[in-house]
Amino acid sequence: MEHAVTRTINASPEQVWAILGDVERWPEWTASITSVEPLDSSELGAGSRARVKQPGFPAATWTVDDWTPGKNFTWTARSGGVTTVAAHELAPGPDGSTALTLRLRQSGPLAGVVGLLFGAKTRRYVGMEADGLK
């Protein structure tokens, strides 16, 4: 399963990154996240981990794969036969705006079943995160 949303935000990539990159504060702007707790240090970066709790899902440990401040980050969670990769991308737009793209991809032996059971909620949460950041 793969899902992606793109939103235009009337702020610079630096301004959007200041909010997006501060993952501990995500619960302040999206109801799809209950808490984000860094597990390794107070700053995220490639290789660091965070425990994320979302309503209706068990807490998941996410490991940052790529961290490019001001541009993007990708992190991965593995649980019960499913690998979930979430990408967060910023691109400069016209007139100082930012194009935000959120992508979520699930793979593994149980990804199809998880997609059937939780796909609608997952898609809704990705949209809530994009809209909340906007």
N, C-alpha and C. Protein backbone atom coordinates (compact mmCIF):
# COMPACT_ATOMS: atom_id res chain seq x y z
N MET A 1 0.84 -1.17 0.00
CA MET A 1 0.00 0.00 0.00
C MET A 1 0.88 1.24 0.00
N GLU A 2 0.52 2.20 -0.80
CA GLU A 2 1.22 3.48 -0.80
C GLU A 2 0.18 4.59 -0.88
N HIS A 3 0.41 5.64 -0.12
CA HIS A 3 -0.50 6.78 -0.11
C HIS A 3 0.34 8.04 -0.05
N ALA A 4 -0.05 9.05 -0.80
CA ALA A 4 0.67 10.33 -0.79
C ALA A 4 -0.32 11.47 -0.88
N VAL A 5 0.00 12.57 -0.21
CA VAL A 5 -0.78 13.80 -0.31
C VAL A 5 0.19 14.96 -0.47
N THR A 6 -0.24 15.98 -1.19
CA THR A 6 0.56 17.19 -1.36
C THR A 6 -0.33 18.39 -1.04
N ARG A 7 0.24 19.32 -0.30
CA ARG A 7 -0.46 20.55 0.04
C ARG A 7 0.48 21.72 -0.21
N THR A 8 -0.08 22.86 -0.62
CA THR A 8 0.69 24.09 -0.74
C THR A 8 0.49 24.88 0.54
N ILE A 9 1.60 25.30 1.13
CA ILE A 9 1.57 26.05 2.39
C ILE A 9 2.13 27.45 2.11
N ASN A 10 1.42 28.46 2.55
CA ASN A 10 1.84 29.84 2.32
C ASN A 10 2.88 30.27 3.35
N ALA A 11 4.02 29.60 3.31
CA ALA A 11 5.17 29.89 4.17
C ALA A 11 6.40 29.32 3.49
N SER A 12 7.55 29.82 3.87
CA SER A 12 8.80 29.34 3.26
C SER A 12 9.13 27.93 3.75
N PRO A 13 9.94 27.18 2.99
CA PRO A 13 10.36 25.86 3.46
C PRO A 13 11.02 25.92 4.84
N GLU A 14 11.77 26.97 5.13
CA GLU A 14 12.42 27.10 6.44
C GLU A 14 11.38 27.23 7.55
N GLN A 15 10.33 28.00 7.29
CA GLN A 15 9.28 28.16 8.29
C GLN A 15 8.52 26.85 8.50
N VAL A 16 8.23 26.16 7.41
CA VAL A 16 7.51 24.88 7.52
C VAL A 16 8.38 23.85 8.23
N TRP A 17 9.68 23.82 7.88
CA TRP A 17 10.58 22.86 8.52
C TRP A 17 10.67 23.09 10.03
N ALA A 18 10.64 24.33 10.45
CA ALA A 18 10.71 24.62 11.89
C ALA A 18 9.58 23.92 12.65
N ILE A 19 8.46 23.73 12.02
CA ILE A 19 7.32 23.03 12.64
C ILE A 19 7.40 21.53 12.37
N LEU A 20 7.62 21.16 11.12
CA LEU A 20 7.69 19.74 10.74
C LEU A 20 8.82 19.01 11.46
N GLY A 21 9.98 19.63 11.54
CA GLY A 21 11.14 18.99 12.14
C GLY A 21 11.10 18.88 13.65
N ASP A 22 10.17 19.58 14.28
CA ASP A 22 10.01 19.53 15.74
C ASP A 22 8.94 18.48 16.07
N VAL A 23 9.30 17.22 15.87
CA VAL A 23 8.31 16.13 15.92
C VAL A 23 7.64 15.98 17.28
N GLU A 24 8.30 16.36 18.35
CA GLU A 24 7.68 16.25 19.68
C GLU A 24 6.44 17.13 19.81
N ARG A 25 6.35 18.16 18.98
CA ARG A 25 5.22 19.09 19.06
C ARG A 25 4.10 18.75 18.08
N TRP A 26 4.25 17.67 17.31
CA TRP A 26 3.20 17.31 16.36
C TRP A 26 1.81 17.21 16.98
N PRO A 27 1.67 16.66 18.20
CA PRO A 27 0.31 16.58 18.77
C PRO A 27 -0.38 17.93 18.91
N GLU A 28 0.39 19.03 18.86
CA GLU A 28 -0.21 20.36 18.98
C GLU A 28 -0.94 20.78 17.71
N TRP A 29 -0.60 20.18 16.55
CA TRP A 29 -1.22 20.62 15.30
C TRP A 29 -1.90 19.52 14.50
N THR A 30 -1.85 18.27 14.99
CA THR A 30 -2.62 17.21 14.33
C THR A 30 -3.19 16.25 15.37
N ALA A 31 -4.47 15.96 15.23
CA ALA A 31 -5.13 15.01 16.13
C ALA A 31 -4.77 13.57 15.80
N SER A 32 -4.01 13.36 14.71
CA SER A 32 -3.62 12.00 14.33
C SER A 32 -2.42 11.50 15.12
N ILE A 33 -1.81 12.36 15.93
CA ILE A 33 -0.65 11.99 16.74
C ILE A 33 -0.95 12.32 18.19
N THR A 34 -0.82 11.32 19.07
CA THR A 34 -1.03 11.52 20.49
C THR A 34 0.25 11.98 21.17
N SER A 35 1.38 11.34 20.81
CA SER A 35 2.66 11.72 21.40
C SER A 35 3.81 11.24 20.52
N VAL A 36 4.93 11.98 20.62
CA VAL A 36 6.18 11.61 19.96
C VAL A 36 7.27 11.77 21.01
N GLU A 37 7.98 10.68 21.29
CA GLU A 37 9.01 10.69 22.31
C GLU A 37 10.35 10.25 21.71
N PRO A 38 11.31 11.17 21.60
CA PRO A 38 12.64 10.76 21.12
C PRO A 38 13.23 9.72 22.07
N LEU A 39 13.86 8.71 21.51
CA LEU A 39 14.42 7.63 22.33
C LEU A 39 15.93 7.73 22.50
N ASP A 40 16.59 8.50 21.65
CA ASP A 40 18.05 8.55 21.68
C ASP A 40 18.61 9.88 22.15
N SER A 41 18.00 10.97 21.78
CA SER A 41 18.45 12.30 22.18
C SER A 41 17.30 13.26 21.94
N SER A 42 17.52 14.51 22.26
CA SER A 42 16.44 15.48 22.07
C SER A 42 16.32 15.93 20.62
N GLU A 43 17.36 15.71 19.81
CA GLU A 43 17.30 16.10 18.40
C GLU A 43 17.27 14.88 17.51
N LEU A 44 16.35 14.90 16.55
CA LEU A 44 16.31 13.80 15.59
C LEU A 44 17.33 14.03 14.49
N GLY A 45 17.80 12.95 13.94
CA GLY A 45 18.73 12.96 12.82
C GLY A 45 18.86 11.54 12.32
N ALA A 46 19.58 11.35 11.23
CA ALA A 46 19.72 10.01 10.66
C ALA A 46 20.19 9.03 11.73
N GLY A 47 19.47 7.92 11.84
CA GLY A 47 19.79 6.86 12.80
C GLY A 47 19.09 6.99 14.14
N SER A 48 18.52 8.14 14.44
CA SER A 48 17.85 8.30 15.73
C SER A 48 16.45 7.68 15.68
N ARG A 49 15.89 7.46 16.87
CA ARG A 49 14.60 6.79 16.97
C ARG A 49 13.63 7.61 17.81
N ALA A 50 12.34 7.40 17.54
CA ALA A 50 11.29 8.05 18.32
C ALA A 50 10.12 7.07 18.45
N ARG A 51 9.48 7.14 19.60
CA ARG A 51 8.27 6.33 19.84
C ARG A 51 7.07 7.23 19.55
N VAL A 52 6.22 6.78 18.62
CA VAL A 52 5.07 7.56 18.19
C VAL A 52 3.80 6.83 18.56
N LYS A 53 2.88 7.54 19.19
CA LYS A 53 1.58 6.98 19.55
C LYS A 53 0.51 7.72 18.77
N GLN A 54 -0.36 6.93 18.12
CA GLN A 54 -1.48 7.48 17.37
C GLN A 54 -2.78 6.86 17.88
N PRO A 55 -3.87 7.61 17.87
CA PRO A 55 -5.15 7.06 18.32
C PRO A 55 -5.54 5.82 17.51
N GLY A 56 -5.88 4.75 18.22
CA GLY A 56 -6.35 3.54 17.56
C GLY A 56 -5.26 2.62 17.05
N PHE A 57 -3.99 2.97 17.28
CA PHE A 57 -2.86 2.12 16.87
C PHE A 57 -1.94 1.90 18.06
N PRO A 58 -1.25 0.77 18.11
CA PRO A 58 -0.25 0.61 19.16
C PRO A 58 0.92 1.56 18.91
N ALA A 59 1.63 1.92 19.96
CA ALA A 59 2.81 2.78 19.80
C ALA A 59 3.81 2.08 18.88
N ALA A 60 4.51 2.87 18.08
CA ALA A 60 5.49 2.33 17.14
C ALA A 60 6.81 3.06 17.32
N THR A 61 7.90 2.33 17.14
CA THR A 61 9.23 2.94 17.16
C THR A 61 9.66 3.20 15.73
N TRP A 62 9.93 4.46 15.44
CA TRP A 62 10.34 4.91 14.11
C TRP A 62 11.82 5.23 14.14
N THR A 63 12.54 4.77 13.12
CA THR A 63 13.97 5.05 12.98
C THR A 63 14.16 5.98 11.78
N VAL A 64 14.87 7.09 11.99
CA VAL A 64 15.10 8.07 10.93
C VAL A 64 16.13 7.51 9.96
N ASP A 65 15.74 7.41 8.69
CA ASP A 65 16.63 6.91 7.63
C ASP A 65 17.38 8.05 6.96
N ASP A 66 16.69 9.15 6.75
CA ASP A 66 17.28 10.30 6.05
C ASP A 66 16.76 11.56 6.72
N TRP A 67 17.66 12.50 6.97
CA TRP A 67 17.29 13.75 7.64
C TRP A 67 18.05 14.88 6.96
N THR A 68 17.37 15.65 6.14
CA THR A 68 17.97 16.78 5.45
C THR A 68 17.19 18.03 5.88
N PRO A 69 17.68 18.74 6.89
CA PRO A 69 16.95 19.89 7.42
C PRO A 69 16.55 20.88 6.32
N GLY A 70 15.31 21.32 6.42
CA GLY A 70 14.77 22.27 5.47
C GLY A 70 14.22 21.65 4.21
N LYS A 71 14.48 20.34 4.01
CA LYS A 71 14.05 19.69 2.77
C LYS A 71 13.22 18.44 2.98
N ASN A 72 13.72 17.48 3.76
CA ASN A 72 12.97 16.22 3.89
C ASN A 72 13.48 15.38 5.04
N PHE A 73 12.64 14.46 5.44
CA PHE A 73 13.09 13.35 6.27
C PHE A 73 12.21 12.14 6.02
N THR A 74 12.84 10.99 6.21
CA THR A 74 12.16 9.70 6.03
C THR A 74 12.45 8.87 7.27
N TRP A 75 11.41 8.19 7.75
CA TRP A 75 11.64 7.25 8.85
C TRP A 75 10.85 5.99 8.63
N THR A 76 11.27 4.92 9.31
CA THR A 76 10.73 3.58 9.09
C THR A 76 10.34 2.95 10.42
N ALA A 77 9.19 2.26 10.42
CA ALA A 77 8.75 1.48 11.57
C ALA A 77 8.48 0.05 11.10
N ARG A 78 8.87 -0.92 11.92
CA ARG A 78 8.64 -2.33 11.60
C ARG A 78 7.86 -2.97 12.75
N SER A 79 6.79 -3.69 12.37
CA SER A 79 5.98 -4.34 13.39
C SER A 79 5.10 -5.40 12.75
N GLY A 80 5.10 -6.58 13.34
CA GLY A 80 4.17 -7.63 12.96
C GLY A 80 4.11 -7.95 11.48
N GLY A 81 5.24 -8.07 10.82
CA GLY A 81 5.24 -8.45 9.42
C GLY A 81 4.97 -7.31 8.45
N VAL A 82 5.01 -6.06 8.96
CA VAL A 82 4.78 -4.90 8.10
C VAL A 82 5.90 -3.88 8.33
N THR A 83 6.44 -3.38 7.23
CA THR A 83 7.40 -2.29 7.28
C THR A 83 6.72 -1.06 6.72
N THR A 84 6.71 0.02 7.51
CA THR A 84 6.08 1.26 7.09
C THR A 84 7.16 2.32 6.93
N VAL A 85 7.19 2.95 5.77
CA VAL A 85 8.14 4.03 5.50
C VAL A 85 7.32 5.30 5.28
N ALA A 86 7.64 6.34 6.03
CA ALA A 86 6.95 7.62 5.91
C ALA A 86 7.96 8.68 5.47
N ALA A 87 7.66 9.35 4.37
CA ALA A 87 8.52 10.41 3.85
C ALA A 87 7.82 11.75 3.97
N HIS A 88 8.58 12.76 4.31
CA HIS A 88 8.09 14.13 4.50
C HIS A 88 8.98 15.02 3.65
N GLU A 89 8.42 15.63 2.61
CA GLU A 89 9.23 16.37 1.65
C GLU A 89 8.73 17.80 1.49
N LEU A 90 9.67 18.74 1.46
CA LEU A 90 9.35 20.14 1.24
C LEU A 90 10.04 20.61 -0.03
N ALA A 91 9.34 21.40 -0.83
CA ALA A 91 9.92 21.98 -2.04
C ALA A 91 9.47 23.43 -2.14
N PRO A 92 10.38 24.32 -2.49
CA PRO A 92 9.99 25.72 -2.63
C PRO A 92 8.95 25.88 -3.73
N GLY A 93 7.98 26.70 -3.48
CA GLY A 93 6.95 26.97 -4.47
C GLY A 93 7.02 28.42 -4.91
N PRO A 94 6.08 28.81 -5.75
CA PRO A 94 6.07 30.21 -6.21
C PRO A 94 5.70 31.16 -5.08
N ASP A 95 6.21 32.37 -5.18
CA ASP A 95 5.86 33.44 -4.24
C ASP A 95 6.16 33.09 -2.78
N GLY A 96 7.22 32.32 -2.53
CA GLY A 96 7.62 32.01 -1.16
C GLY A 96 6.83 30.91 -0.49
N SER A 97 5.98 30.22 -1.24
CA SER A 97 5.21 29.13 -0.65
C SER A 97 6.04 27.84 -0.62
N THR A 98 5.47 26.80 -0.04
CA THR A 98 6.13 25.51 0.06
C THR A 98 5.16 24.42 -0.37
N ALA A 99 5.65 23.49 -1.19
CA ALA A 99 4.88 22.29 -1.51
C ALA A 99 5.30 21.22 -0.50
N LEU A 100 4.34 20.76 0.28
CA LEU A 100 4.56 19.70 1.26
C LEU A 100 4.00 18.41 0.67
N THR A 101 4.82 17.36 0.63
CA THR A 101 4.34 16.04 0.21
C THR A 101 4.62 15.06 1.32
N LEU A 102 3.59 14.33 1.73
CA LEU A 102 3.72 13.25 2.70
C LEU A 102 3.43 11.95 1.98
N ARG A 103 4.33 10.97 2.12
CA ARG A 103 4.16 9.65 1.50
C ARG A 103 4.26 8.59 2.57
N LEU A 104 3.39 7.60 2.47
CA LEU A 104 3.44 6.47 3.39
C LEU A 104 3.35 5.20 2.56
N ARG A 105 4.31 4.31 2.76
CA ARG A 105 4.34 3.04 2.02
C ARG A 105 4.48 1.90 3.01
N GLN A 106 3.64 0.89 2.85
CA GLN A 106 3.71 -0.30 3.70
C GLN A 106 4.02 -1.51 2.83
N SER A 107 4.93 -2.35 3.33
CA SER A 107 5.31 -3.55 2.61
C SER A 107 5.53 -4.67 3.63
N GLY A 108 5.69 -5.88 3.12
CA GLY A 108 5.91 -7.03 3.98
C GLY A 108 4.79 -8.03 3.84
N PRO A 109 4.97 -9.20 4.44
CA PRO A 109 4.01 -10.28 4.26
C PRO A 109 2.59 -9.98 4.73
N LEU A 110 2.44 -9.09 5.70
CA LEU A 110 1.10 -8.77 6.21
C LEU A 110 0.60 -7.39 5.79
N ALA A 111 1.33 -6.74 4.89
CA ALA A 111 0.94 -5.38 4.48
C ALA A 111 -0.45 -5.35 3.84
N GLY A 112 -0.79 -6.35 3.05
CA GLY A 112 -2.10 -6.39 2.41
C GLY A 112 -3.23 -6.46 3.43
N VAL A 113 -3.06 -7.31 4.43
CA VAL A 113 -4.09 -7.45 5.47
C VAL A 113 -4.20 -6.16 6.28
N VAL A 114 -3.06 -5.60 6.66
CA VAL A 114 -3.07 -4.35 7.42
C VAL A 114 -3.72 -3.24 6.58
N GLY A 115 -3.42 -3.21 5.29
CA GLY A 115 -4.03 -2.23 4.41
C GLY A 115 -5.54 -2.35 4.36
N LEU A 116 -6.04 -3.59 4.30
CA LEU A 116 -7.49 -3.80 4.30
C LEU A 116 -8.13 -3.36 5.61
N LEU A 117 -7.48 -3.69 6.72
CA LEU A 117 -8.04 -3.39 8.04
C LEU A 117 -7.92 -1.92 8.42
N PHE A 118 -6.78 -1.31 8.09
CA PHE A 118 -6.49 0.03 8.60
C PHE A 118 -6.19 1.06 7.52
N GLY A 119 -6.34 0.69 6.25
CA GLY A 119 -6.00 1.60 5.16
C GLY A 119 -6.75 2.91 5.18
N ALA A 120 -8.06 2.86 5.43
CA ALA A 120 -8.85 4.10 5.44
C ALA A 120 -8.40 5.03 6.56
N LYS A 121 -8.15 4.47 7.74
CA LYS A 121 -7.69 5.29 8.87
C LYS A 121 -6.31 5.86 8.57
N THR A 122 -5.44 5.05 8.00
CA THR A 122 -4.09 5.51 7.67
C THR A 122 -4.15 6.67 6.68
N ARG A 123 -4.94 6.53 5.63
CA ARG A 123 -5.09 7.61 4.64
C ARG A 123 -5.65 8.87 5.29
N ARG A 124 -6.62 8.70 6.16
CA ARG A 124 -7.22 9.85 6.85
C ARG A 124 -6.17 10.55 7.72
N TYR A 125 -5.35 9.78 8.42
CA TYR A 125 -4.32 10.35 9.28
C TYR A 125 -3.27 11.12 8.47
N VAL A 126 -2.86 10.58 7.33
CA VAL A 126 -1.87 11.28 6.49
C VAL A 126 -2.46 12.62 6.03
N GLY A 127 -3.72 12.62 5.63
CA GLY A 127 -4.39 13.86 5.25
C GLY A 127 -4.51 14.84 6.40
N MET A 128 -4.81 14.34 7.59
CA MET A 128 -4.91 15.21 8.78
C MET A 128 -3.56 15.86 9.07
N GLU A 129 -2.49 15.10 8.91
CA GLU A 129 -1.17 15.65 9.17
C GLU A 129 -0.82 16.74 8.16
N ALA A 130 -1.11 16.51 6.89
CA ALA A 130 -0.84 17.53 5.88
C ALA A 130 -1.68 18.77 6.12
N ASP A 131 -2.97 18.58 6.42
CA ASP A 131 -3.85 19.72 6.65
C ASP A 131 -3.48 20.46 7.93
N GLY A 132 -3.09 19.73 8.96
CA GLY A 132 -2.70 20.36 10.22
C GLY A 132 -1.46 21.21 10.08
N LEU A 133 -0.51 20.73 9.29
CA LEU A 133 0.72 21.48 9.07
C LEU A 133 0.45 22.72 8.23
N LYS A 134 -0.49 22.59 7.30
CA LYS A 134 -0.84 23.73 6.44
C LYS A 134 -1.38 24.86 7.28
